[in-house]
Amino acid sequence: MADWQEIKQKAERITARLRAMRPANILSDQENFNPLMDRIPRPGRVDLVGQPREKMGHEISGAQMEALKGGTMRIDARLDLHGMTQHQAYGELGRFMQRQVTRGARLLLIITGKGKDLQGVLRTSLPGWLMSGEFKPHILTIHPAHLRHGGDGATYVLLRKIK
């Protein structure tokens, strides 16, 4: 019976501490995202991606998104940027994207490599390059690749359908 009393007292102390805790302040979206803005990769001087666009219809279904995350969608083209300098990779990416947009490709796989501690220059620069350049209007989403396609060292780029 003494053990039960001890457990009951501990539970009451824990409950009292939890009640005494004040809820965390709920911040606005601006306050939540400001600390993250400095972490967005930007090659040279690139403006941040603007405000979210209005919804443009149902361009990708839930099943398609699951297929993308699961690595089961058919990849139309691949680009391997391993071993390139930042300048070389940026130029090659521009030429690759131009070709794929022109030919109507839908899903691209861009391999950057992980870099040391997942902080590789190409890996961290890629989203900024894609979403700040002339190809931004053609991109529906970017997503880390499935493990079978390179995992953290590769990125899927899903292009909008050409109408």
C-alpha atoms as a PDB file:
ATOM      1  CA  MET A   1       0.000   0.000   0.000  1.00  0.00           C
ATOM      2  CA  ALA A   2       2.930   2.350   0.675  1.00  0.00           C
ATOM      3  CA  ASP A   3       4.109   1.959  -2.920  1.00  0.00           C
ATOM      4  CA  TRP A   4       0.710   3.017  -4.179  1.00  0.00           C
ATOM      5  CA  GLN A   5       0.741   6.159  -2.001  1.00  0.00           C
ATOM      6  CA  GLU A   6       4.195   7.073  -3.305  1.00  0.00           C
ATOM      7  CA  ILE A   7       3.059   6.671  -6.934  1.00  0.00           C
ATOM      8  CA  LYS A   8      -0.070   8.735  -6.240  1.00  0.00           C
ATOM      9  CA  GLN A   9       2.002  11.555  -4.699  1.00  0.00           C
ATOM     10  CA  LYS A  10       4.405  11.601  -7.671  1.00  0.00           C
ATOM     11  CA  ALA A  11       1.475  11.733 -10.098  1.00  0.00           C
ATOM     12  CA  GLU A  12      -0.061  14.637  -8.173  1.00  0.00           C
ATOM     13  CA  ARG A  13       3.253  16.560  -8.264  1.00  0.00           C
ATOM     14  CA  ILE A  14       3.576  15.997 -12.019  1.00  0.00           C
ATOM     15  CA  THR A  15      -0.030  17.085 -12.583  1.00  0.00           C
ATOM     16  CA  ALA A  16       0.528  20.232 -10.502  1.00  0.00           C
ATOM     17  CA  ARG A  17       3.652  21.094 -12.536  1.00  0.00           C
ATOM     18  CA  LEU A  18       1.809  20.609 -15.807  1.00  0.00           C
ATOM     19  CA  ARG A  19      -1.048  22.837 -14.674  1.00  0.00           C
ATOM     20  CA  ALA A  20       1.447  25.511 -13.648  1.00  0.00           C
ATOM     21  CA  MET A  21       3.034  25.567 -17.098  1.00  0.00           C
ATOM     22  CA  ARG A  22       1.762  28.369 -19.262  1.00  0.00           C
ATOM     23  CA  PRO A  23       0.858  27.510 -22.845  1.00  0.00           C
ATOM     24  CA  ALA A  24       3.430  28.511 -25.434  1.00  0.00           C
ATOM     25  CA  ASN A  25       2.797  31.782 -27.165  1.00  0.00           C
ATOM     26  CA  ILE A  26       1.133  31.306 -30.503  1.00  0.00           C
ATOM     27  CA  LEU A  27       3.039  33.323 -33.061  1.00  0.00           C
ATOM     28  CA  SER A  28       1.795  34.734 -36.324  1.00  0.00           C
ATOM     29  CA  ASP A  29       3.007  33.159 -39.580  1.00  0.00           C
ATOM     30  CA  GLN A  30       5.393  36.078 -40.055  1.00  0.00           C
ATOM     31  CA  GLU A  31       6.928  35.551 -36.598  1.00  0.00           C
ATOM     32  CA  ASN A  32       7.163  31.788 -37.143  1.00  0.00           C
ATOM     33  CA  PHE A  33       8.893  32.006 -40.504  1.00  0.00           C
ATOM     34  CA  ASN A  34      11.209  34.993 -39.992  1.00  0.00           C
ATOM     35  CA  PRO A  35      13.888  32.895 -38.225  1.00  0.00           C
ATOM     36  CA  LEU A  36      13.831  30.469 -41.159  1.00  0.00           C
ATOM     37  CA  MET A  37      14.255  33.102 -43.870  1.00  0.00           C
ATOM     38  CA  ASP A  38      18.011  33.306 -43.315  1.00  0.00           C
ATOM     39  CA  ARG A  39      18.268  29.552 -43.906  1.00  0.00           C
ATOM     40  CA  ILE A  40      16.804  29.649 -47.427  1.00  0.00           C
ATOM     41  CA  PRO A  41      19.651  28.921 -49.853  1.00  0.00           C
ATOM     42  CA  ARG A  42      20.306  31.717 -52.300  1.00  0.00           C
ATOM     43  CA  PRO A  43      23.006  31.763 -54.976  1.00  0.00           C
ATOM     44  CA  GLY A  44      24.544  35.191 -55.031  1.00  0.00           C
ATOM     45  CA  ARG A  45      21.759  37.716 -54.531  1.00  0.00           C
ATOM     46  CA  VAL A  46      18.373  36.194 -55.224  1.00  0.00           C
ATOM     47  CA  ASP A  47      15.086  37.503 -53.900  1.00  0.00           C
ATOM     48  CA  LEU A  48      12.994  35.195 -51.790  1.00  0.00           C
ATOM     49  CA  VAL A  49      10.121  33.339 -53.354  1.00  0.00           C
ATOM     50  CA  GLY A  50       7.086  35.640 -53.245  1.00  0.00           C
ATOM     51  CA  GLN A  51       3.757  35.133 -51.590  1.00  0.00           C
ATOM     52  CA  PRO A  52       1.930  31.891 -52.353  1.00  0.00           C
ATOM     53  CA  ARG A  53       0.093  32.007 -55.625  1.00  0.00           C
ATOM     54  CA  GLU A  54      -3.613  31.523 -55.856  1.00  0.00           C
ATOM     55  CA  LYS A  55      -4.600  27.929 -56.340  1.00  0.00           C
ATOM     56  CA  MET A  56      -4.381  27.086 -60.023  1.00  0.00           C
ATOM     57  CA  GLY A  57      -6.671  24.084 -60.069  1.00  0.00           C
ATOM     58  CA  HIS A  58      -6.044  20.437 -59.364  1.00  0.00           C
ATOM     59  CA  GLU A  59      -2.703  19.882 -61.080  1.00  0.00           C
ATOM     60  CA  ILE A  60      -1.574  16.984 -58.913  1.00  0.00           C
ATOM     61  CA  SER A  61      -3.795  14.503 -57.114  1.00  0.00           C
ATOM     62  CA  GLY A  62      -3.159  12.972 -53.730  1.00  0.00           C
ATOM     63  CA  ALA A  63      -2.351   9.661 -55.425  1.00  0.00           C
ATOM     64  CA  GLN A  64       0.208  11.363 -57.661  1.00  0.00           C
ATOM     65  CA  MET A  65       1.796  13.074 -54.669  1.00  0.00           C
ATOM     66  CA  GLU A  66       2.024   9.730 -52.858  1.00  0.00           C
ATOM     67  CA  ALA A  67       3.611   8.192 -55.973  1.00  0.00           C
ATOM     68  CA  LEU A  68       6.118  11.059 -56.058  1.00  0.00           C
ATOM     69  CA  LYS A  69       7.010  10.631 -52.374  1.00  0.00           C
ATOM     70  CA  GLY A  70       7.192   6.866 -52.796  1.00  0.00           C
ATOM     71  CA  GLY A  71       9.494   7.096 -55.801  1.00  0.00           C
ATOM     72  CA  THR A  72       7.118   5.221 -58.123  1.00  0.00           C
ATOM     73  CA  MET A  73       6.440   7.976 -60.677  1.00  0.00           C
ATOM     74  CA  ARG A  74       8.247   7.631 -63.997  1.00  0.00           C
ATOM     75  CA  ILE A  75      11.265   9.927 -64.196  1.00  0.00           C
ATOM     76  CA  ASP A  76      11.467  11.678 -67.570  1.00  0.00           C
ATOM     77  CA  ALA A  77      15.028  13.007 -67.265  1.00  0.00           C
ATOM     78  CA  ARG A  78      17.992  13.001 -64.856  1.00  0.00           C
ATOM     79  CA  LEU A  79      20.769  15.485 -64.263  1.00  0.00           C
ATOM     80  CA  ASP A  80      23.831  14.609 -62.181  1.00  0.00           C
ATOM     81  CA  LEU A  81      25.643  17.659 -60.807  1.00  0.00           C
ATOM     82  CA  HIS A  82      28.165  15.653 -58.741  1.00  0.00           C
ATOM     83  CA  GLY A  83      31.657  17.104 -58.814  1.00  0.00           C
ATOM     84  CA  MET A  84      30.700  20.381 -60.494  1.00  0.00           C
ATOM     85  CA  THR A  85      31.491  23.792 -59.102  1.00  0.00           C
ATOM     86  CA  GLN A  86      28.564  25.989 -58.145  1.00  0.00           C
ATOM     87  CA  HIS A  87      29.017  28.061 -61.298  1.00  0.00           C
ATOM     88  CA  GLN A  88      29.200  25.000 -63.574  1.00  0.00           C
ATOM     89  CA  ALA A  89      26.189  23.378 -61.905  1.00  0.00           C
ATOM     90  CA  TYR A  90      24.062  26.528 -62.215  1.00  0.00           C
ATOM     91  CA  GLY A  91      24.807  26.768 -65.949  1.00  0.00           C
ATOM     92  CA  GLU A  92      24.155  23.078 -66.545  1.00  0.00           C
ATOM     93  CA  LEU A  93      20.897  23.265 -64.577  1.00  0.00           C
ATOM     94  CA  GLY A  94      19.699  26.183 -66.719  1.00  0.00           C
ATOM     95  CA  ARG A  95      20.408  24.328 -69.979  1.00  0.00           C
ATOM     96  CA  PHE A  96      18.833  21.123 -68.644  1.00  0.00           C
ATOM     97  CA  MET A  97      15.670  22.872 -67.454  1.00  0.00           C
ATOM     98  CA  GLN A  98      15.291  24.694 -70.789  1.00  0.00           C
ATOM     99  CA  ARG A  99      15.502  21.404 -72.706  1.00  0.00           C
ATOM    100  CA  GLN A 100      13.045  19.607 -70.424  1.00  0.00           C
ATOM    101  CA  VAL A 101      10.468  22.399 -70.379  1.00  0.00           C
ATOM    102  CA  THR A 102      10.656  22.597 -74.181  1.00  0.00           C
ATOM    103  CA  ARG A 103      10.179  18.854 -74.637  1.00  0.00           C
ATOM    104  CA  GLY A 104       7.297  18.711 -72.150  1.00  0.00           C
ATOM    105  CA  ALA A 105       8.932  16.531 -69.497  1.00  0.00           C
ATOM    106  CA  ARG A 106       6.930  16.098 -66.303  1.00  0.00           C
ATOM    107  CA  LEU A 107       9.217  14.632 -63.594  1.00  0.00           C
ATOM    108  CA  LEU A 108      12.921  15.406 -63.352  1.00  0.00           C
ATOM    109  CA  LEU A 109      15.524  13.961 -60.996  1.00  0.00           C
ATOM    110  CA  ILE A 110      18.400  16.271 -60.133  1.00  0.00           C
ATOM    111  CA  ILE A 111      21.288  14.631 -58.286  1.00  0.00           C
ATOM    112  CA  THR A 112      23.407  16.999 -56.226  1.00  0.00           C
ATOM    113  CA  GLY A 113      25.009  14.737 -53.656  1.00  0.00           C
ATOM    114  CA  LYS A 114      24.589  15.238 -49.937  1.00  0.00           C
ATOM    115  CA  GLY A 115      27.715  17.130 -49.046  1.00  0.00           C
ATOM    116  CA  LYS A 116      29.240  17.056 -45.593  1.00  0.00           C
ATOM    117  CA  ASP A 117      26.560  16.824 -42.877  1.00  0.00           C
ATOM    118  CA  LEU A 118      23.847  17.334 -45.548  1.00  0.00           C
ATOM    119  CA  GLN A 119      25.122  20.882 -46.097  1.00  0.00           C
ATOM    120  CA  GLY A 120      26.525  20.516 -49.609  1.00  0.00           C
ATOM    121  CA  VAL A 121      26.653  23.740 -51.600  1.00  0.00           C
ATOM    122  CA  LEU A 122      24.770  22.312 -54.580  1.00  0.00           C
ATOM    123  CA  ARG A 123      22.173  20.564 -52.407  1.00  0.00           C
ATOM    124  CA  THR A 124      21.369  23.719 -50.440  1.00  0.00           C
ATOM    125  CA  SER A 125      21.490  26.035 -53.478  1.00  0.00           C
ATOM    126  CA  LEU A 126      19.239  23.986 -55.784  1.00  0.00           C
ATOM    127  CA  PRO A 127      15.819  25.027 -54.383  1.00  0.00           C
ATOM    128  CA  GLY A 128      16.761  28.705 -54.546  1.00  0.00           C
ATOM    129  CA  TRP A 129      18.001  28.373 -58.117  1.00  0.00           C
ATOM    130  CA  LEU A 130      14.836  26.615 -59.227  1.00  0.00           C
ATOM    131  CA  MET A 131      12.337  28.868 -57.494  1.00  0.00           C
ATOM    132  CA  SER A 132      13.938  32.210 -58.273  1.00  0.00           C
ATOM    133  CA  GLY A 133      14.743  31.935 -61.948  1.00  0.00           C
ATOM    134  CA  GLU A 134      12.899  31.866 -65.206  1.00  0.00           C
ATOM    135  CA  PHE A 135      11.745  28.296 -64.547  1.00  0.00           C
ATOM    136  CA  LYS A 136       9.703  29.079 -61.442  1.00  0.00           C
ATOM    137  CA  PRO A 137       6.409  29.376 -63.418  1.00  0.00           C
ATOM    138  CA  HIS A 138       7.003  25.911 -64.916  1.00  0.00           C
ATOM    139  CA  ILE A 139       7.609  24.156 -61.580  1.00  0.00           C
ATOM    140  CA  LEU A 140       4.684  22.614 -59.748  1.00  0.00           C
ATOM    141  CA  THR A 141       6.689  21.278 -56.792  1.00  0.00           C
ATOM    142  CA  ILE A 142      10.118  20.165 -55.681  1.00  0.00           C
ATOM    143  CA  HIS A 143      10.533  17.273 -53.263  1.00  0.00           C
ATOM    144  CA  PRO A 144      13.425  15.259 -51.821  1.00  0.00           C
ATOM    145  CA  ALA A 145      13.983  12.078 -53.801  1.00  0.00           C
ATOM    146  CA  HIS A 146      13.068   8.628 -52.555  1.00  0.00           C
ATOM    147  CA  LEU A 147      15.937   6.565 -51.186  1.00  0.00           C
ATOM    148  CA  ARG A 148      16.055   4.411 -54.345  1.00  0.00           C
ATOM    149  CA  HIS A 149      16.710   7.560 -56.419  1.00  0.00           C
ATOM    150  CA  GLY A 150      19.357   9.089 -54.184  1.00  0.00           C
ATOM    151  CA  GLY A 151      17.479  10.110 -51.037  1.00  0.00           C
ATOM    152  CA  ASP A 152      18.842  13.290 -49.467  1.00  0.00           C
ATOM    153  CA  GLY A 153      21.376  13.674 -52.267  1.00  0.00           C
ATOM    154  CA  ALA A 154      18.754  14.124 -54.994  1.00  0.00           C
ATOM    155  CA  THR A 155      15.625  16.170 -55.666  1.00  0.00           C
ATOM    156  CA  TYR A 156      12.496  15.570 -57.714  1.00  0.00           C
ATOM    157  CA  VAL A 157      11.263  18.498 -59.774  1.00  0.00           C
ATOM    158  CA  LEU A 158       7.669  18.129 -60.963  1.00  0.00           C
ATOM    159  CA  LEU A 159       6.908  20.405 -63.883  1.00  0.00           C
ATOM    160  CA  ARG A 160       3.479  21.772 -64.726  1.00  0.00           C
ATOM    161  CA  LYS A 161       1.596  20.232 -67.594  1.00  0.00           C
ATOM    162  CA  ILE A 162       1.821  22.202 -70.807  1.00  0.00           C
ATOM    163  CA  LYS A 163      -1.625  23.372 -71.862  1.00  0.00           C
END
